Protein backbone atom coordinates (compact mmCIF):
# COMPACT_ATOMS: atom_id res chain seq x y z
CA MET A 1 64.39 100.32 55.76
CA GLU A 2 63.83 97.06 57.55
CA SER A 3 67.54 96.24 57.33
CA GLU A 4 68.39 99.58 58.98
CA LYS A 5 65.94 98.82 61.79
CA CYS A 6 67.54 95.41 62.26
CA VAL A 7 71.00 96.98 62.47
CA VAL A 8 69.78 99.55 65.02
CA GLY A 9 68.06 96.79 66.97
CA LEU A 10 71.20 94.67 67.03
CA GLU A 11 73.30 97.61 68.25
CA THR A 12 70.75 98.36 70.97
CA MET A 13 70.71 94.72 71.98
CA LYS A 14 74.50 94.63 72.27
CA LYS A 15 74.48 97.76 74.44
CA LYS A 16 71.80 96.31 76.70
CA ARG A 17 73.68 93.04 77.00
CA LYS A 18 76.84 94.89 77.98
CA MET A 19 74.90 96.91 80.54
CA LYS A 20 73.35 93.76 82.02
CA LYS A 21 76.75 92.08 82.24
CA PHE A 22 78.17 95.19 83.91
CA CYS A 23 75.32 95.24 86.46
CA ALA A 24 75.82 91.53 87.11
CA VAL A 25 79.52 92.03 87.78
CA ILE A 26 78.86 94.97 90.14
CA LEU A 27 76.25 92.99 92.08
CA THR A 28 78.59 90.01 92.26
CA VAL A 29 81.50 92.06 93.59
CA THR A 30 79.21 93.71 96.15
CA ALA A 31 77.79 90.38 97.30
CA LEU A 32 81.28 89.02 97.95
CA ALA A 33 82.57 92.24 99.57
CA PRO A 34 82.19 91.01 103.20
CA LEU A 35 84.52 88.07 102.53
CA ARG A 36 86.97 90.38 100.78
CA ARG A 37 87.05 92.79 103.73
CA LEU A 38 87.34 89.93 106.22
CA GLU A 39 90.33 88.61 104.30
CA ILE A 40 92.09 91.97 104.66
CA LEU A 41 91.26 92.22 108.37
CA LEU A 42 92.62 88.74 109.02
CA GLN A 43 95.78 89.51 107.05
CA VAL A 44 96.72 92.45 109.28
CA GLN A 45 95.48 91.03 112.60
CA ASN A 46 98.06 90.18 115.25
CA SER A 47 98.17 86.62 116.57
CA ARG A 48 98.71 87.95 120.11
CA ASN A 49 95.48 89.94 120.13
CA LEU A 50 92.94 87.88 118.20
CA GLN A 51 89.46 89.40 118.08
CA TYR A 52 88.05 86.73 115.77
CA LYS A 53 89.38 83.38 114.65
CA ASP A 54 87.06 82.28 111.88
CA ILE A 55 84.70 83.61 109.25
CA THR A 56 81.59 83.58 111.45
CA GLN A 57 83.26 85.49 114.27
CA GLY A 58 84.79 87.94 111.82
CA LEU A 59 81.49 88.72 110.11
CA LYS A 60 79.76 89.14 113.48
CA HIS A 61 82.55 91.45 114.65
CA MET A 62 82.21 93.63 111.54
CA ARG A 63 78.43 93.71 111.91
CA ARG A 64 78.68 94.61 115.60
CA THR A 65 81.33 97.32 115.30
CA ASP A 66 80.38 98.99 112.00
CA GLY A 67 76.81 97.94 111.33
CA PHE A 68 75.49 96.38 108.16
CA ARG A 69 77.20 98.95 105.94
CA GLY A 70 80.50 98.04 107.56
CA LEU A 71 80.40 94.69 105.79
CA PHE A 72 80.94 96.50 102.49
CA LYS A 73 83.76 98.87 103.46
CA GLY A 74 86.35 99.15 100.72
CA ASN A 75 84.01 97.75 98.08
CA GLY A 76 83.82 101.02 96.17
CA ALA A 77 87.61 101.25 96.03
CA TYR A 78 87.80 97.65 94.79
CA ILE A 79 85.34 98.38 91.98
CA ALA A 80 87.19 101.59 91.10
CA LYS A 81 90.47 99.67 91.00
CA ALA A 82 89.06 97.03 88.66
CA MET A 83 87.47 99.61 86.35
CA SER A 84 90.56 101.83 86.22
CA CYS A 85 92.82 98.83 85.60
CA SER A 86 90.65 97.68 82.68
CA ALA A 87 90.42 101.20 81.25
CA VAL A 88 94.18 101.75 81.36
CA TYR A 89 94.79 98.28 79.93
CA PHE A 90 92.67 98.91 76.84
CA ALA A 91 93.99 102.46 76.47
CA VAL A 92 97.59 101.24 76.45
CA HIS A 93 97.10 97.93 74.66
CA TYR A 94 95.92 99.28 71.31
CA PRO A 95 98.87 101.66 70.75
CA LEU A 96 101.31 98.90 71.70
CA ALA A 97 99.47 96.42 69.49
CA ARG A 98 100.31 98.62 66.52
CA ILE A 99 103.88 97.38 66.91
CA ILE A 100 102.66 93.94 65.86
CA GLY A 101 100.85 95.52 62.92
CA LEU A 102 104.03 97.28 61.82
CA TYR A 103 105.93 94.01 62.13
CA CYS A 104 103.41 92.22 59.91
CA GLN A 105 103.72 95.00 57.31
CA THR A 106 107.45 94.41 56.95
CA PRO A 107 108.28 93.25 53.39
CA GLY A 108 108.49 89.49 53.26
CA LYS A 109 106.65 88.98 56.55
CA GLU A 110 103.08 89.73 55.53
CA ASN A 111 101.89 86.19 56.28
CA ALA A 112 104.35 85.43 59.08
CA LYS A 113 103.23 85.13 62.66
CA PRO A 114 104.75 87.69 65.05
CA PRO A 115 107.32 86.31 67.52
CA ILE A 116 105.78 85.01 70.71
CA LEU A 117 108.24 87.08 72.75
CA LEU A 118 106.93 90.22 71.05
CA THR A 119 103.27 89.45 71.72
CA ARG A 120 103.89 88.25 75.27
CA GLY A 121 106.16 91.21 75.94
CA ILE A 122 103.52 93.69 74.80
CA HIS A 123 100.91 91.97 76.94
CA ALA A 124 103.23 91.97 79.98
CA CYS A 125 104.06 95.67 79.54
CA THR A 126 100.37 96.51 79.25
CA VAL A 127 99.51 94.58 82.40
CA MET A 128 102.34 96.21 84.36
CA ILE A 129 101.30 99.71 83.30
CA ALA A 130 97.63 99.05 84.12
CA THR A 131 98.52 97.51 87.50
CA ALA A 132 100.78 100.41 88.43
CA ALA A 133 98.14 102.97 87.43
CA ALA A 134 95.39 101.30 89.48
CA TYR A 135 97.47 100.33 92.53
CA PRO A 136 96.69 103.49 94.59
CA MET A 137 93.08 102.30 94.60
CA ASP A 138 94.29 99.07 96.20
CA VAL A 139 95.97 101.07 98.97
CA ALA A 140 92.76 103.02 99.52
CA GLN A 141 90.79 99.77 99.62
CA GLY A 142 93.09 98.35 102.30
CA ARG A 143 92.93 101.45 104.49
CA LEU A 144 89.16 101.85 104.13
CA SER A 145 88.59 98.17 104.88
CA VAL A 146 90.68 98.18 108.06
CA GLN A 147 89.38 101.38 109.69
CA THR A 148 86.43 100.95 112.07
CA GLY A 149 83.60 103.15 113.22
CA LYS A 150 85.41 103.83 116.51
CA SER A 151 88.56 105.13 114.84
CA PRO A 152 89.45 108.70 115.91
CA TYR A 153 90.46 109.63 112.37
CA GLN A 154 88.29 108.58 109.46
CA TYR A 155 88.83 108.46 105.72
CA ARG A 156 85.59 109.80 104.33
CA GLY A 157 85.94 108.13 100.95
CA ILE A 158 88.28 107.08 98.17
CA TYR A 159 89.34 110.58 97.13
CA HIS A 160 89.81 111.71 100.72
CA ALA A 161 91.88 108.61 101.49
CA LEU A 162 94.14 109.09 98.46
CA THR A 163 94.71 112.80 99.07
CA THR A 164 95.27 112.32 102.81
CA ILE A 165 97.79 109.52 102.29
CA ALA A 166 99.67 111.55 99.67
CA ARG A 167 99.68 114.69 101.84
CA GLU A 168 100.65 113.10 105.17
CA GLU A 169 102.89 110.24 104.04
CA GLY A 170 104.06 111.45 100.65
CA PRO A 171 103.10 110.36 97.12
CA ARG A 172 105.30 107.26 97.42
CA ALA A 173 102.96 105.98 100.14
CA LEU A 174 100.35 105.31 97.46
CA TYR A 175 102.61 102.51 96.24
CA LYS A 176 103.42 100.85 99.54
CA GLY A 177 103.50 97.10 99.09
CA PHE A 178 103.61 97.34 95.30
CA LEU A 179 106.72 95.15 95.01
CA PRO A 180 105.32 92.08 96.87
CA TYR A 181 102.00 92.61 95.10
CA SER A 182 103.69 92.51 91.69
CA ILE A 183 105.88 89.54 92.63
CA GLY A 184 102.82 87.66 93.86
CA GLN A 185 101.03 88.26 90.56
CA VAL A 186 104.06 87.08 88.58
CA VAL A 187 104.52 84.00 90.77
CA TYR A 188 100.83 83.06 90.53
CA THR A 189 100.67 83.52 86.76
CA GLY A 190 103.97 81.76 86.11
CA LEU A 191 103.24 78.78 88.33
CA ASN A 192 99.72 78.46 86.95
CA PHE A 193 101.06 78.35 83.40
CA ALA A 194 103.91 75.98 84.31
CA VAL A 195 101.92 73.49 86.42
CA TYR A 196 98.91 73.41 84.12
CA GLY A 197 101.08 73.10 81.03
CA PHE A 198 103.26 70.39 82.57
CA THR A 199 100.32 68.26 83.69
CA SER A 200 98.54 68.65 80.34
CA LEU A 201 101.73 67.75 78.48
CA SER A 202 102.25 64.69 80.69
CA ILE A 203 98.77 63.41 79.89
CA ALA A 204 99.29 64.07 76.18
CA LYS A 205 102.57 62.13 76.22
CA ALA A 206 100.92 59.23 78.05
CA VAL A 207 98.12 59.11 75.48
CA LEU A 208 100.60 59.29 72.60
CA SER A 209 102.65 56.42 74.00
CA ARG A 210 99.44 54.42 74.37
CA PHE A 211 98.50 55.28 70.79
CA HIS A 212 101.85 54.06 69.42
CA GLU A 213 101.50 50.89 71.45
CA LEU A 214 98.07 50.18 70.00
CA LYS A 215 99.25 51.11 66.50
CA SER A 216 102.09 48.61 66.75
CA LYS A 217 99.45 45.97 67.46
CA GLY A 218 97.48 46.92 64.34
CA MET A 219 94.75 48.93 66.11
CA ASN A 220 94.01 52.33 64.52
CA ARG A 221 92.55 55.01 66.75
CA ASP A 222 92.05 58.75 66.45
CA VAL A 223 94.87 60.09 68.60
CA ASN A 224 93.70 63.72 68.49
CA GLU A 225 90.25 62.84 69.77
CA GLU A 226 91.73 60.61 72.47
CA VAL A 227 94.14 63.28 73.67
CA THR A 228 91.38 65.89 73.78
CA THR A 229 89.03 63.57 75.67
CA ALA A 230 91.70 62.59 78.19
CA ILE A 231 92.65 66.20 78.91
CA LYS A 232 89.00 67.27 79.27
CA LYS A 233 88.32 64.48 81.77
CA LYS A 234 91.29 65.45 83.91
CA LEU A 235 90.88 69.22 83.47
CA PRO A 236 89.32 69.80 86.94
CA TYR A 237 92.18 67.93 88.59
CA PHE A 238 94.69 70.04 86.68
CA GLN A 239 92.97 73.21 87.83
CA ILE A 240 92.85 72.10 91.47
CA LEU A 241 96.51 71.12 91.46
CA SER A 242 97.53 74.33 89.73
CA PHE A 243 95.52 76.48 92.14
CA ALA A 244 96.94 74.67 95.19
CA VAL A 245 100.53 75.19 94.06
CA CYS A 246 99.94 78.83 93.08
CA HIS A 247 98.14 79.62 96.32
CA THR A 248 100.88 78.05 98.45
CA PHE A 249 103.68 80.10 96.93
CA ALA A 250 101.92 83.35 95.98
CA TYR A 251 99.57 84.05 98.89
CA PRO A 252 102.31 85.12 101.40
CA PHE A 253 103.15 88.02 99.07
CA ASN A 254 99.51 89.10 99.26
CA VAL A 255 99.65 89.17 103.07
CA ILE A 256 102.91 91.10 103.13
CA HIS A 257 101.69 93.69 100.66
CA ARG A 258 98.63 94.35 102.86
CA ARG A 259 100.78 94.71 105.97
CA MET A 260 103.12 97.11 104.21
CA GLN A 261 100.12 99.23 103.20
CA MET A 262 99.35 99.82 106.89
CA GLU A 263 102.88 101.09 107.51
CA GLY A 264 103.13 104.73 108.62
CA TRP A 265 99.38 105.25 109.05
CA LYS A 266 99.16 108.43 111.12
CA ASN A 267 96.46 109.32 113.68
CA SER A 268 95.30 105.72 113.77
CA SER A 269 96.87 104.20 116.85
CA SER A 270 93.65 102.42 117.78
CA ILE A 271 93.44 100.79 114.36
CA ILE A 272 97.06 99.70 114.40
CA ALA A 273 96.71 98.48 117.99
CA SER A 274 93.61 96.47 117.16
CA CYS A 275 95.37 94.93 114.17
CA TYR A 276 98.87 94.43 115.47
CA GLY A 277 98.44 94.00 119.19
CA SER A 278 99.50 96.11 122.14
CA SER A 279 101.01 99.58 121.87
CA ASN A 280 104.48 98.11 122.42
CA ASN A 281 104.18 96.31 119.12
CA ILE A 282 102.92 99.27 117.10
CA ALA A 283 106.32 100.67 116.24
CA ALA A 284 107.75 97.27 115.39
CA ALA A 285 104.78 96.40 113.25
CA SER A 286 104.57 99.70 111.39
CA GLU A 287 108.26 100.05 110.52
CA PHE A 288 109.29 97.93 107.57
CA THR A 289 112.46 98.80 105.69
CA GLY A 290 111.38 96.65 102.76
CA MET A 291 109.70 93.47 101.62
CA CYS A 292 112.32 91.14 103.12
CA ASP A 293 112.15 92.98 106.44
CA ALA A 294 108.35 92.68 106.41
CA PHE A 295 108.62 88.92 105.88
CA LYS A 296 111.17 88.60 108.67
CA LYS A 297 109.24 90.66 111.24
CA THR A 298 105.92 89.05 110.39
CA ILE A 299 107.33 85.55 110.89
CA ARG A 300 109.22 86.54 114.04
CA ASN A 301 106.30 88.35 115.73
CA ASN A 302 103.37 86.22 114.56
CA GLY A 303 104.82 82.95 113.34
CA PHE A 304 104.99 81.35 109.91
CA LYS A 305 101.21 80.78 109.90
CA ALA A 306 100.72 84.55 109.70
CA LEU A 307 101.76 84.40 106.05
CA TYR A 308 98.52 82.53 105.32
CA LYS A 309 96.10 84.63 107.36
CA GLY A 310 92.86 85.28 105.54
CA SER A 311 93.38 82.34 103.23
CA VAL A 312 90.02 80.76 104.15
CA PRO A 313 87.92 83.71 102.87
CA TYR A 314 90.24 83.86 99.87
CA LEU A 315 89.64 80.19 99.12
CA LEU A 316 85.89 80.69 99.46
CA LEU A 317 86.08 83.52 96.94
CA LYS A 318 87.82 81.10 94.57
CA VAL A 319 85.66 78.04 95.31
CA PHE A 320 82.50 80.13 94.90
CA PRO A 321 83.70 82.11 91.91
CA ALA A 322 82.25 85.45 90.99
CA SER A 323 81.39 84.16 87.53
CA LEU A 324 78.84 81.73 89.01
CA PHE A 325 77.02 84.47 90.90
CA ALA A 326 77.29 86.78 87.90
CA SER A 327 75.69 84.19 85.63
CA VAL A 328 72.78 83.81 88.06
CA VAL A 329 72.24 87.57 88.22
CA HIS A 330 72.54 87.88 84.45
CA LEU A 331 69.99 85.12 83.96
CA GLY A 332 67.64 86.91 86.34
CA LEU A 333 67.99 90.10 84.32
CA LEU A 334 67.20 88.19 81.15
CA GLU A 335 64.11 86.59 82.66
CA SER A 336 62.87 89.92 83.98
CA GLY A 337 62.13 91.09 80.44
CA LEU A 338 65.20 93.24 79.86
CA GLU A 339 66.43 91.08 76.97
CA LEU A 340 65.81 92.43 73.48
CA ASN A 341 64.42 89.84 71.09
CA ILE A 342 66.70 89.58 68.07
CA LYS A 343 63.79 88.52 65.83
CA HIS A 344 61.66 91.54 66.73
CA PRO A 345 63.96 94.53 67.21
């Protein structure tokens, strides 16, 4: 009887822990929503008609034009995108993972490890399917974040934005900017893996050469411990270098995908004018024949620096990671008495 109570208590504790983590993530995302919206506004703003130049001016402008609630525009769509992406990922991953199980059941390969191309390929396919399924939420987030309280035509919410975009611009409009978005994700992930792996391997080779040098002199040292210690000490530098390289090459795709999302937005001349400049520039700014054309027109009309607009709020979101805020919120929930004691279920 007591064992059954312990099992029930453990299950209840796990559910409560998951709920607390979920609440912490939601609060974290909401707390960082003003920076996320400001990043989008800076990405689509025209250099010829600047309304704010830095974070302070941008936050004041949002507060003045849309009120306090305006700071959190697009936050609901961002949360919905993250939740739908995770749900689709897990829904697709398990059926595809059965392929690995079937491979391991092949006669003679019961104890063999599956090929890395198979596992990585399944993971890549799962990520692509989840990203494609959740991308319309990203379009809704961009549109909801850019519209202001003075706009003549308002999206009333996520569902209204999605249905209106599909009805007025066609279903394909829900995937505007998907190509640069996907390329940016691939570039960021690939460069992060390559730079981090290369720097770690370089340190390991340096330590190994040092180990062989000491061994030739009759000094025995634990090479595994030395390699691990050396990599741990230089780990922050590896992360900074990797992030700098990834940000430099991948962020322009993020800007272009946001600008392409604003393309063809009907009944919103004031929004497009406030973002792209005078009415003479509206047509030029809202007509992209593709990703390359968007790059060319953005650089020609706003300069090369326009490819890195909004990078300061983006860097702040990375420097002050969501995990730090989430851990603080989670700790507060634990200290408030919501934690279930494992010894007394």
